[in-house]
PDB file of N, CA and C in Angstrom:
ATOM      1  N   MET A   1      93.806  90.116  86.643  1.00  0.00           N
ATOM      2  CA  MET A   1      94.704  91.028  87.342  1.00  0.00           C
ATOM      3  C   MET A   1      94.070  92.409  87.382  1.00  0.00           C
ATOM      4  N   GLN A   2      94.093  93.049  88.541  1.00  0.00           N
ATOM      5  CA  GLN A   2      93.497  94.359  88.692  1.00  0.00           C
ATOM      6  C   GLN A   2      94.527  95.453  88.447  1.00  0.00           C
ATOM      7  N   LYS A   3      94.042  96.565  87.861  1.00  0.00           N
ATOM      8  CA  LYS A   3      94.921  97.698  87.581  1.00  0.00           C
ATOM      9  C   LYS A   3      94.400  98.931  88.297  1.00  0.00           C
ATOM     10  N   LYS A   4      95.335  99.784  88.725  1.00  0.00           N
ATOM     11  CA  LYS A   4      94.981 101.069  89.329  1.00  0.00           C
ATOM     12  C   LYS A   4      95.446 102.181  88.397  1.00  0.00           C
ATOM     13  N   ILE A   5      94.694 103.265  88.409  1.00  0.00           N
ATOM     14  CA  ILE A   5      95.068 104.426  87.607  1.00  0.00           C
ATOM     15  C   ILE A   5      95.781 105.420  88.513  1.00  0.00           C
ATOM     16  N   ILE A   6      96.951 105.868  88.069  1.00  0.00           N
ATOM     17  CA  ILE A   6      97.760 106.821  88.827  1.00  0.00           C
ATOM     18  C   ILE A   6      97.862 108.111  88.025  1.00  0.00           C
ATOM     19  N   LEU A   7      97.675 109.240  88.698  1.00  0.00           N
ATOM     20  CA  LEU A   7      97.803 110.549  88.078  1.00  0.00           C
ATOM     21  C   LEU A   7      98.962 111.276  88.735  1.00  0.00           C
ATOM     22  N   ILE A   8      99.905 111.732  87.930  1.00  0.00           N
ATOM     23  CA  ILE A   8     101.066 112.477  88.425  1.00  0.00           C
ATOM     24  C   ILE A   8     100.942 113.923  87.951  1.00  0.00           C
ATOM     25  N   LYS A   9     101.041 114.858  88.899  1.00  0.00           N
ATOM     26  CA  LYS A   9     101.090 116.278  88.569  1.00  0.00           C
ATOM     27  C   LYS A   9     102.464 116.789  88.947  1.00  0.00           C
ATOM     28  N   ALA A  10     103.197 117.304  87.978  1.00  0.00           N
ATOM     29  CA  ALA A  10     104.542 117.837  88.210  1.00  0.00           C
ATOM     30  C   ALA A  10     104.498 119.351  88.030  1.00  0.00           C
ATOM     31  N   LEU A  11     105.101 120.078  88.981  1.00  0.00           N
ATOM     32  CA  LEU A  11     105.090 121.536  88.980  1.00  0.00           C
ATOM     33  C   LEU A  11     106.497 122.044  89.268  1.00  0.00           C
ATOM     34  N   SER A  12     106.970 122.985  88.450  1.00  0.00           N
ATOM     35  CA  SER A  12     108.306 123.547  88.648  1.00  0.00           C
ATOM     36  C   SER A  12     108.369 124.946  88.051  1.00  0.00           C
ATOM     37  N   SER A  13     109.301 125.746  88.545  1.00  0.00           N
ATOM     38  CA  SER A  13     109.517 127.068  87.972  1.00  0.00           C
ATOM     39  C   SER A  13     110.591 127.034  86.888  1.00  0.00           C
ATOM     40  N   ASN A  14     111.281 125.910  86.766  1.00  0.00           N
ATOM     41  CA  ASN A  14     112.316 125.756  85.753  1.00  0.00           C
ATOM     42  C   ASN A  14     111.841 124.731  84.725  1.00  0.00           C
ATOM     43  N   ILE A  15     111.627 125.187  83.504  1.00  0.00           N
ATOM     44  CA  ILE A  15     111.072 124.296  82.484  1.00  0.00           C
ATOM     45  C   ILE A  15     112.079 123.255  82.009  1.00  0.00           C
ATOM     46  N   ASN A  16     113.372 123.568  82.087  1.00  0.00           N
ATOM     47  CA  ASN A  16     114.383 122.606  81.621  1.00  0.00           C
ATOM     48  C   ASN A  16     114.403 121.353  82.481  1.00  0.00           C
ATOM     49  N   THR A  17     114.346 121.498  83.786  1.00  0.00           N
ATOM     50  CA  THR A  17     114.322 120.314  84.647  1.00  0.00           C
ATOM     51  C   THR A  17     113.013 119.556  84.498  1.00  0.00           C
ATOM     52  N   LEU A  18     111.937 120.268  84.223  1.00  0.00           N
ATOM     53  CA  LEU A  18     110.649 119.608  84.013  1.00  0.00           C
ATOM     54  C   LEU A  18     110.666 118.773  82.732  1.00  0.00           C
ATOM     55  N   ILE A  19     111.293 119.270  81.698  1.00  0.00           N
ATOM     56  CA  ILE A  19     111.408 118.513  80.440  1.00  0.00           C
ATOM     57  C   ILE A  19     112.308 117.300  80.630  1.00  0.00           C
ATOM     58  N   LEU A  20     113.416 117.463  81.344  1.00  0.00           N
ATOM     59  CA  LEU A  20     114.304 116.322  81.604  1.00  0.00           C
ATOM     60  C   LEU A  20     113.604 115.248  82.426  1.00  0.00           C
ATOM     61  N   TYR A  21     112.819 115.657  83.422  1.00  0.00           N
ATOM     62  CA  TYR A  21     112.082 114.674  84.219  1.00  0.00           C
ATOM     63  C   TYR A  21     111.012 113.983  83.373  1.00  0.00           C
ATOM     64  N   HIS A  22     110.396 114.733  82.468  1.00  0.00           N
ATOM     65  CA  HIS A  22     109.405 114.131  81.570  1.00  0.00           C
ATOM     66  C   HIS A  22     110.050 113.067  80.676  1.00  0.00           C
ATOM     67  N   LEU A  23     111.247 113.339  80.174  1.00  0.00           N
ATOM     68  CA  LEU A  23     111.954 112.347  79.356  1.00  0.00           C
ATOM     69  C   LEU A  23     112.327 111.113  80.172  1.00  0.00           C
ATOM     70  N   PHE A  24     112.712 111.317  81.435  1.00  0.00           N
ATOM     71  CA  PHE A  24     113.015 110.189  82.320  1.00  0.00           C
ATOM     72  C   PHE A  24     111.780 109.317  82.532  1.00  0.00           C
ATOM     73  N   VAL A  25     110.636 109.952  82.783  1.00  0.00           N
ATOM     74  CA  VAL A  25     109.389 109.205  82.999  1.00  0.00           C
ATOM     75  C   VAL A  25     108.987 108.460  81.727  1.00  0.00           C
ATOM     76  N   LYS A  26     109.159 109.111  80.592  1.00  0.00           N
ATOM     77  CA  LYS A  26     108.815 108.478  79.317  1.00  0.00           C
ATOM     78  C   LYS A  26     109.671 107.241  79.065  1.00  0.00           C
ATOM     79  N   ASN A  27     110.976 107.329  79.335  1.00  0.00           N
ATOM     80  CA  ASN A  27     111.864 106.182  79.156  1.00  0.00           C
ATOM     81  C   ASN A  27     111.544 105.067  80.154  1.00  0.00           C
ATOM     82  N   LEU A  28     111.163 105.438  81.361  1.00  0.00           N
ATOM     83  CA  LEU A  28     110.786 104.443  82.364  1.00  0.00           C
ATOM     84  C   LEU A  28     109.525 103.692  81.942  1.00  0.00           C
ATOM     85  N   PHE A  29     108.565 104.418  81.353  1.00  0.00           N
ATOM     86  CA  PHE A  29     107.341 103.766  80.892  1.00  0.00           C
ATOM     87  C   PHE A  29     107.606 102.841  79.712  1.00  0.00           C
ATOM     88  N   VAL A  30     108.536 103.211  78.857  1.00  0.00           N
ATOM     89  CA  VAL A  30     108.899 102.332  77.740  1.00  0.00           C
ATOM     90  C   VAL A  30     109.569 101.069  78.278  1.00  0.00           C
ATOM     91  N   LYS A  31     110.407 101.235  79.290  1.00  0.00           N
ATOM     92  CA  LYS A  31     111.105 100.097  79.871  1.00  0.00           C
ATOM     93  C   LYS A  31     110.142  99.103  80.518  1.00  0.00           C
ATOM     94  N   PHE A  32     109.125  99.613  81.232  1.00  0.00           N
ATOM     95  CA  PHE A  32     108.154  98.744  81.902  1.00  0.00           C
ATOM     96  C   PHE A  32     106.922  98.440  81.045  1.00  0.00           C
ATOM     97  N   ASN A  33     106.901  98.944  79.797  1.00  0.00           N
ATOM     98  CA  ASN A  33     105.812  98.698  78.859  1.00  0.00           C
ATOM     99  C   ASN A  33     104.471  99.194  79.434  1.00  0.00           C
ATOM    100  N   ILE A  34     104.426 100.475  79.784  1.00  0.00           N
ATOM    101  CA  ILE A  34     103.235 101.089  80.377  1.00  0.00           C
ATOM    102  C   ILE A  34     102.693 102.125  79.399  1.00  0.00           C
ATOM    103  N   GLN A  35     101.393 102.089  79.160  1.00  0.00           N
ATOM    104  CA  GLN A  35     100.722 103.078  78.322  1.00  0.00           C
ATOM    105  C   GLN A  35     100.367 104.281  79.180  1.00  0.00           C
ATOM    106  N   SER A  36     100.581 105.485  78.657  1.00  0.00           N
ATOM    107  CA  SER A  36     100.290 106.681  79.447  1.00  0.00           C
ATOM    108  C   SER A  36      99.637 107.753  78.584  1.00  0.00           C
ATOM    109  N   ASN A  37      98.925 108.654  79.230  1.00  0.00           N
ATOM    110  CA  ASN A  37      98.325 109.822  78.591  1.00  0.00           C
ATOM    111  C   ASN A  37      98.955 111.066  79.195  1.00  0.00           C
ATOM    112  N   LEU A  38      99.396 111.974  78.343  1.00  0.00           N
ATOM    113  CA  LEU A  38     100.061 113.196  78.794  1.00  0.00           C
ATOM    114  C   LEU A  38      99.226 114.395  78.415  1.00  0.00           C
ATOM    115  N   THR A  39      98.970 115.269  79.368  1.00  0.00           N
ATOM    116  CA  THR A  39      98.414 116.569  79.042  1.00  0.00           C
ATOM    117  C   THR A  39      99.588 117.527  78.961  1.00  0.00           C
ATOM    118  N   PHE A  40      99.545 118.410  78.018  1.00  0.00           N
ATOM    119  CA  PHE A  40     100.710 119.209  77.689  1.00  0.00           C
ATOM    120  C   PHE A  40     101.060 120.215  78.776  1.00  0.00           C
ATOM    121  N   PHE A  41     102.216 120.831  78.599  1.00  0.00           N
ATOM    122  CA  PHE A  41     102.742 121.780  79.566  1.00  0.00           C
ATOM    123  C   PHE A  41     101.826 122.993  79.671  1.00  0.00           C
ATOM    124  N   LYS A  42     101.597 123.425  80.903  1.00  0.00           N
ATOM    125  CA  LYS A  42     100.812 124.619  81.165  1.00  0.00           C
ATOM    126  C   LYS A  42     101.707 125.647  81.835  1.00  0.00           C
ATOM    127  N   LYS A  43     101.443 126.894  81.555  1.00  0.00           N
ATOM    128  CA  LYS A  43     102.261 127.972  82.093  1.00  0.00           C
ATOM    129  C   LYS A  43     101.355 128.919  82.865  1.00  0.00           C
ATOM    130  N   LYS A  44     101.685 129.172  84.133  1.00  0.00           N
ATOM    131  CA  LYS A  44     100.914 130.089  84.962  1.00  0.00           C
ATOM    132  C   LYS A  44     101.820 131.220  85.424  1.00  0.00           C
ATOM    133  N   LYS A  45     101.339 132.435  85.257  1.00  0.00           N
ATOM    134  CA  LYS A  45     102.094 133.610  85.685  1.00  0.00           C
ATOM    135  C   LYS A  45     101.405 134.243  86.876  1.00  0.00           C
ATOM    136  N   LYS A  46     102.210 134.725  87.807  1.00  0.00           N
ATOM    137  CA  LYS A  46     101.683 135.414  88.980  1.00  0.00           C
ATOM    138  C   LYS A  46     102.559 136.629  89.242  1.00  0.00           C
ATOM    139  N   LYS A  47     101.943 137.782  89.374  1.00  0.00           N
ATOM    140  CA  LYS A  47     102.676 139.009  89.640  1.00  0.00           C
ATOM    141  C   LYS A  47     102.497 139.411  91.095  1.00  0.00           C
ATOM    142  N   ILE A  48     103.604 139.831  91.713  1.00  0.00           N
ATOM    143  CA  ILE A  48     103.593 140.283  93.097  1.00  0.00           C
ATOM    144  C   ILE A  48     104.146 141.706  93.117  1.00  0.00           C
ATOM    145  N   THR A  49     103.456 142.599  93.831  1.00  0.00           N
ATOM    146  CA  THR A  49     103.878 143.997  93.921  1.00  0.00           C
ATOM    147  C   THR A  49     104.210 144.338  95.365  1.00  0.00           C
ATOM    148  N   PHE A  50     105.379 144.972  95.549  1.00  0.00           N
ATOM    149  CA  PHE A  50     105.809 145.423  96.868  1.00  0.00           C
ATOM    150  C   PHE A  50     105.991 146.937  96.830  1.00  0.00           C
ATOM    151  N   PHE A  51     105.583 147.586  97.919  1.00  0.00           N
ATOM    152  CA  PHE A  51     105.864 149.013  98.072  1.00  0.00           C
ATOM    153  C   PHE A  51     107.270 149.147  98.644  1.00  0.00           C
ATOM    154  N   THR A  52     108.107 149.983  98.006  1.00  0.00           N
ATOM    155  CA  THR A  52     109.480 150.134  98.478  1.00  0.00           C
ATOM    156  C   THR A  52     109.568 151.074  99.682  1.00  0.00           C
ATOM    157  N   PHE A  53     108.663 152.072  99.754  1.00  0.00           N
ATOM    158  CA  PHE A  53     108.611 152.959 100.913  1.00  0.00           C
ATOM    159  C   PHE A  53     107.272 152.772 101.605  1.00  0.00           C
ATOM    160  N   ALA A  54     107.274 152.843 102.904  1.00  0.00           N
ATOM    161  CA  ALA A  54     106.093 152.469 103.673  1.00  0.00           C
ATOM    162  C   ALA A  54     104.909 153.427 103.473  1.00  0.00           C
ATOM    163  N   HIS A  55     105.075 154.717 103.731  1.00  0.00           N
ATOM    164  CA  HIS A  55     103.907 155.589 103.767  1.00  0.00           C
ATOM    165  C   HIS A  55     103.979 156.750 102.780  1.00  0.00           C
ATOM    166  N   VAL A  56     105.161 157.263 102.544  1.00  0.00           N
ATOM    167  CA  VAL A  56     105.289 158.545 101.854  1.00  0.00           C
ATOM    168  C   VAL A  56     105.091 158.419 100.348  1.00  0.00           C
ATOM    169  N   HIS A  57     105.797 157.509  99.717  1.00  0.00           N
ATOM    170  CA  HIS A  57     105.800 157.416  98.253  1.00  0.00           C
ATOM    171  C   HIS A  57     105.012 156.181  97.809  1.00  0.00           C
ATOM    172  N   LYS A  58     103.751 156.409  97.419  1.00  0.00           N
ATOM    173  CA  LYS A  58     102.947 155.276  96.977  1.00  0.00           C
ATOM    174  C   LYS A  58     103.286 154.850  95.549  1.00  0.00           C
ATOM    175  N   LYS A  59     103.928 155.728  94.793  1.00  0.00           N
ATOM    176  CA  LYS A  59     104.273 155.379  93.412  1.00  0.00           C
ATOM    177  C   LYS A  59     105.532 154.529  93.335  1.00  0.00           C
ATOM    178  N   ALA A  60     106.283 154.430  94.417  1.00  0.00           N
ATOM    179  CA  ALA A  60     107.511 153.633  94.422  1.00  0.00           C
ATOM    180  C   ALA A  60     107.145 152.169  94.682  1.00  0.00           C
ATOM    181  N   LYS A  61     107.074 151.401  93.616  1.00  0.00           N
ATOM    182  CA  LYS A  61     106.689 149.992  93.708  1.00  0.00           C
ATOM    183  C   LYS A  61     107.695 149.129  92.953  1.00  0.00           C
ATOM    184  N   GLU A  62     107.803 147.891  93.404  1.00  0.00           N
ATOM    185  CA  GLU A  62     108.596 146.899  92.684  1.00  0.00           C
ATOM    186  C   GLU A  62     107.691 145.727  92.362  1.00  0.00           C
ATOM    187  N   GLN A  63     107.779 145.247  91.129  1.00  0.00           N
ATOM    188  CA  GLN A  63     106.968 144.106  90.722  1.00  0.00           C
ATOM    189  C   GLN A  63     107.864 142.925  90.382  1.00  0.00           C
ATOM    190  N   PHE A  64     107.415 141.757  90.815  1.00  0.00           N
ATOM    191  CA  PHE A  64     108.109 140.508  90.506  1.00  0.00           C
ATOM    192  C   PHE A  64     107.114 139.572  89.852  1.00  0.00           C
ATOM    193  N   GLN A  65     107.634 138.742  88.964  1.00  0.00           N
ATOM    194  CA  GLN A  65     106.762 137.817  88.255  1.00  0.00           C
ATOM    195  C   GLN A  65     107.240 136.390  88.507  1.00  0.00           C
ATOM    196  N   LEU A  66     106.328 135.537  88.983  1.00  0.00           N
ATOM    197  CA  LEU A  66     106.614 134.131  89.195  1.00  0.00           C
ATOM    198  C   LEU A  66     105.954 133.342  88.078  1.00  0.00           C
ATOM    199  N   ILE A  67     106.732 132.479  87.416  1.00  0.00           N
ATOM    200  CA  ILE A  67     106.200 131.646  86.345  1.00  0.00           C
ATOM    201  C   ILE A  67     106.359 130.194  86.760  1.00  0.00           C
ATOM    202  N   ASN A  68     105.254 129.455  86.777  1.00  0.00           N
ATOM    203  CA  ASN A  68     105.275 128.033  87.098  1.00  0.00           C
ATOM    204  C   ASN A  68     104.816 127.234  85.891  1.00  0.00           C
ATOM    205  N   PHE A  69     105.519 126.155  85.613  1.00  0.00           N
ATOM    206  CA  PHE A  69     105.171 125.254  84.530  1.00  0.00           C
ATOM    207  C   PHE A  69     104.688 123.941  85.138  1.00  0.00           C
ATOM    208  N   SER A  70     103.717 123.311  84.500  1.00  0.00           N
ATOM    209  CA  SER A  70     103.204 122.055  85.036  1.00  0.00           C
ATOM    210  C   SER A  70     102.740 121.153  83.898  1.00  0.00           C
ATOM    211  N   TYR A  71     102.665 119.862  84.200  1.00  0.00           N
ATOM    212  CA  TYR A  71     102.059 118.911  83.287  1.00  0.00           C
ATOM    213  C   TYR A  71     101.526 117.730  84.082  1.00  0.00           C
ATOM    214  N   GLN A  72     100.654 116.952  83.438  1.00  0.00           N
ATOM    215  CA  GLN A  72     100.034 115.806  84.086  1.00  0.00           C
ATOM    216  C   GLN A  72     100.231 114.563  83.233  1.00  0.00           C
ATOM    217  N   ILE A  73     100.435 113.449  83.921  1.00  0.00           N
ATOM    218  CA  ILE A  73     100.517 112.150  83.259  1.00  0.00           C
ATOM    219  C   ILE A  73      99.567 111.211  83.989  1.00  0.00           C
ATOM    220  N   SER A  74      98.767 110.495  83.239  1.00  0.00           N
ATOM    221  CA  SER A  74      97.936 109.457  83.844  1.00  0.00           C
ATOM    222  C   SER A  74      98.267 108.129  83.185  1.00  0.00           C
ATOM    223  N   PHE A  75      98.355 107.086  84.002  1.00  0.00           N
ATOM    224  CA  PHE A  75      98.680 105.762  83.484  1.00  0.00           C
ATOM    225  C   PHE A  75      98.080 104.708  84.388  1.00  0.00           C
ATOM    226  N   SER A  76      97.925 103.512  83.845  1.00  0.00           N
ATOM    227  CA  SER A  76      97.397 102.409  84.633  1.00  0.00           C
ATOM    228  C   SER A  76      98.475 101.355  84.816  1.00  0.00           C
ATOM    229  N   VAL A  77      98.537 100.831  86.030  1.00  0.00           N
ATOM    230  CA  VAL A  77      99.585  99.891  86.421  1.00  0.00           C
ATOM    231  C   VAL A  77      98.930  98.726  87.153  1.00  0.00           C
ATOM    232  N   PRO A  78      99.467  97.514  86.991  1.00  0.00           N
ATOM    233  CA  PRO A  78      98.961  96.421  87.830  1.00  0.00           C
ATOM    234  C   PRO A  78      99.166  96.747  89.305  1.00  0.00           C
ATOM    235  N   GLU A  79      98.236  96.300  90.123  1.00  0.00           N
ATOM    236  CA  GLU A  79      98.236  96.660  91.547  1.00  0.00           C
ATOM    237  C   GLU A  79      99.499  96.187  92.258  1.00  0.00           C
ATOM    238  N   ILE A  80     100.123  95.142  91.772  1.00  0.00           N
ATOM    239  CA  ILE A  80     101.329  94.604  92.397  1.00  0.00           C
ATOM    240  C   ILE A  80     102.513  95.564  92.231  1.00  0.00           C
ATOM    241  N   LYS A  81     102.618  96.213  91.070  1.00  0.00           N
ATOM    242  CA  LYS A  81     103.764  97.072  90.768  1.00  0.00           C
ATOM    243  C   LYS A  81     103.552  98.539  91.132  1.00  0.00           C
ATOM    244  N   THR A  82     102.441  98.882  91.733  1.00  0.00           N
ATOM    245  CA  THR A  82     102.116 100.281  92.004  1.00  0.00           C
ATOM    246  C   THR A  82     103.148 100.953  92.902  1.00  0.00           C
ATOM    247  N   THR A  83     103.488 100.326  94.010  1.00  0.00           N
ATOM    248  CA  THR A  83     104.425 100.953  94.944  1.00  0.00           C
ATOM    249  C   THR A  83     105.829 101.035  94.359  1.00  0.00           C
ATOM    250  N   GLU A  84     106.228 100.049  93.563  1.00  0.00           N
ATOM    251  CA  GLU A  84     107.560 100.079  92.952  1.00  0.00           C
ATOM    252  C   GLU A  84     107.711 101.265  92.017  1.00  0.00           C
ATOM    253  N   ILE A  85     106.718 101.483  91.171  1.00  0.00           N
ATOM    254  CA  ILE A  85     106.813 102.564  90.187  1.00  0.00           C
ATOM    255  C   ILE A  85     106.711 103.928  90.861  1.00  0.00           C
ATOM    256  N   ILE A  86     105.853 104.065  91.865  1.00  0.00           N
ATOM    257  CA  ILE A  86     105.758 105.346  92.581  1.00  0.00           C
ATOM    258  C   ILE A  86     107.069 105.655  93.292  1.00  0.00           C
ATOM    259  N   CYS A  87     107.695 104.653  93.894  1.00  0.00           N
ATOM    260  CA  CYS A  87     108.992 104.869  94.556  1.00  0.00           C
ATOM    261  C   CYS A  87     110.066 105.270  93.552  1.00  0.00           C
ATOM    262  N   LEU A  88     110.097 104.623  92.384  1.00  0.00           N
ATOM    263  CA  LEU A  88     111.075 104.996  91.354  1.00  0.00           C
ATOM    264  C   LEU A  88     110.880 106.433  90.890  1.00  0.00           C
ATOM    265  N   LEU A  89     109.632 106.827  90.675  1.00  0.00           N
ATOM    266  CA  LEU A  89     109.355 108.176  90.189  1.00  0.00           C
ATOM    267  C   LEU A  89     109.641 109.230  91.250  1.00  0.00           C
ATOM    268  N   LYS A  90     109.322 108.918  92.502  1.00  0.00           N
ATOM    269  CA  LYS A  90     109.513 109.889  93.588  1.00  0.00           C
ATOM    270  C   LYS A  90     110.994 110.049  93.957  1.00  0.00           C
ATOM    271  N   LEU A  91     111.715 108.939  94.070  1.00  0.00           N
ATOM    272  CA  LEU A  91     113.109 109.008  94.508  1.00  0.00           C
ATOM    273  C   LEU A  91     114.042 109.565  93.439  1.00  0.00           C
ATOM    274  N   ASN A  92     113.726 109.376  92.167  1.00  0.00           N
ATOM    275  CA  ASN A  92     114.595 109.858  91.100  1.00  0.00           C
ATOM    276  C   ASN A  92     114.203 111.239  90.586  1.00  0.00           C
ATOM    277  N   GLY A  93     113.236 111.863  91.220  1.00  0.00           N
ATOM    278  CA  GLY A  93     112.825 113.202  90.796  1.00  0.00           C
ATOM    279  C   GLY A  93     113.747 114.277  91.341  1.00  0.00           C
ATOM    280  N   PRO A  94     113.984 115.333  90.571  1.00  0.00           N
ATOM    281  CA  PRO A  94     114.796 116.444  91.068  1.00  0.00           C
ATOM    282  C   PRO A  94     114.117 117.151  92.238  1.00  0.00           C
ATOM    283  N   LYS A  95     114.917 117.855  93.026  1.00  0.00           N
ATOM    284  CA  LYS A  95     114.382 118.495  94.228  1.00  0.00           C
ATOM    285  C   LYS A  95     113.565 119.747  93.924  1.00  0.00           C
ATOM    286  N   ASN A  96     113.773 120.366  92.765  1.00  0.00           N
ATOM    287  CA  ASN A  96     113.024 121.583  92.470  1.00  0.00           C
ATOM    288  C   ASN A  96     111.732 121.312  91.707  1.00  0.00           C
ATOM    289  N   ILE A  97     111.324 120.043  91.622  1.00  0.00           N
ATOM    290  CA  ILE A  97     110.046 119.688  91.019  1.00  0.00           C
ATOM    291  C   ILE A  97     109.117 119.183  92.121  1.00  0.00           C
ATOM    292  N   ASN A  98     107.936 119.756  92.181  1.00  0.00           N
ATOM    293  CA  ASN A  98     106.931 119.328  93.144  1.00  0.00           C
ATOM    294  C   ASN A  98     106.062 118.263  92.481  1.00  0.00           C
ATOM    295  N   LEU A  99     106.072 117.051  93.029  1.00  0.00           N
ATOM    296  CA  LEU A  99     105.314 115.934  92.461  1.00  0.00           C
ATOM    297  C   LEU A  99     104.133 115.601  93.364  1.00  0.00           C
ATOM    298  N   ASN A 100     102.966 115.449  92.755  1.00  0.00           N
ATOM    299  CA  ASN A 100     101.762 115.021  93.472  1.00  0.00           C
ATOM    300  C   ASN A 100     101.246 113.758  92.801  1.00  0.00           C
ATOM    301  N   PHE A 101     101.075 112.703  93.586  1.00  0.00           N
ATOM    302  CA  PHE A 101     100.558 111.435  93.079  1.00  0.00           C
ATOM    303  C   PHE A 101      99.132 111.251  93.576  1.00  0.00           C
ATOM    304  N   THR A 102      98.258 110.824  92.669  1.00  0.00           N
ATOM    305  CA  THR A 102      96.878 110.551  93.028  1.00  0.00           C
ATOM    306  C   THR A 102      96.519 109.157  92.530  1.00  0.00           C
ATOM    307  N   LEU A 103      96.077 108.293  93.442  1.00  0.00           N
ATOM    308  CA  LEU A 103      95.608 106.960  93.085  1.00  0.00           C
ATOM    309  C   LEU A 103      94.095 107.000  92.962  1.00  0.00           C
ATOM    310  N   SER A 104      93.587 106.433  91.893  1.00  0.00           N
ATOM    311  CA  SER A 104      92.136 106.390  91.754  1.00  0.00           C
ATOM    312  C   SER A 104      91.571 105.236  92.562  1.00  0.00           C
ATOM    313  N   SER A 105      90.348 105.388  93.001  1.00  0.00           N
ATOM    314  CA  SER A 105      89.703 104.330  93.772  1.00  0.00           C
ATOM    315  C   SER A 105      89.102 103.271  92.864  1.00  0.00           C
ATOM    316  N   LYS A 106      89.031 103.566  91.564  1.00  0.00           N
ATOM    317  CA  LYS A 106      88.467 102.608  90.616  1.00  0.00           C
ATOM    318  C   LYS A 106      89.485 101.533  90.302  1.00  0.00           C
ATOM    319  N   LYS A 107      89.062 100.322  90.286  1.00  0.00           N
ATOM    320  CA  LYS A 107      89.923  99.214  89.904  1.00  0.00           C
ATOM    321  C   LYS A 107      89.309  98.543  88.686  1.00  0.00           C
ATOM    322  N   TYR A 108      90.129  98.273  87.702  1.00  0.00           N
ATOM    323  CA  TYR A 108      89.658  97.646  86.484  1.00  0.00           C
ATOM    324  C   TYR A 108      90.212  96.235  86.405  1.00  0.00           C
ATOM    325  N   ALA A 109      89.358  95.301  86.169  1.00  0.00           N
ATOM    326  CA  ALA A 109      89.778  93.906  86.025  1.00  0.00           C
ATOM    327  C   ALA A 109      90.028  93.623  84.560  1.00  0.00           C
ATOM    328  N   THR A 110      91.192  93.055  84.252  1.00  0.00           N
ATOM    329  CA  THR A 110      91.495  92.692  82.866  1.00  0.00           C
ATOM    330  C   THR A 110      91.903  91.259  82.785  1.00  0.00           C
TER     331      THR A 110
END
């Protein structure tokens, strides 16, 4: 039976929903008996500066900070169940989480 490796990248600005989705994925993997590797949560900060007045007052600025949290999971699945698991993960994900799925081209025979 051939297996494919799937990499999931989850990105959100709300860490609570990201943790809840991670627990859902973990329980789903236990249910289907799938081994997975998790890279821990990463935090990226981005600052944006706006001028409040157009030309006269250059010192009048407003700054906003965007914080994004992300994590990655990689797992291997039999080729037959690949679409089922991707559909379960995609359809049950919250709307404020951006999910990216990557299928590897390598196939492992076991």
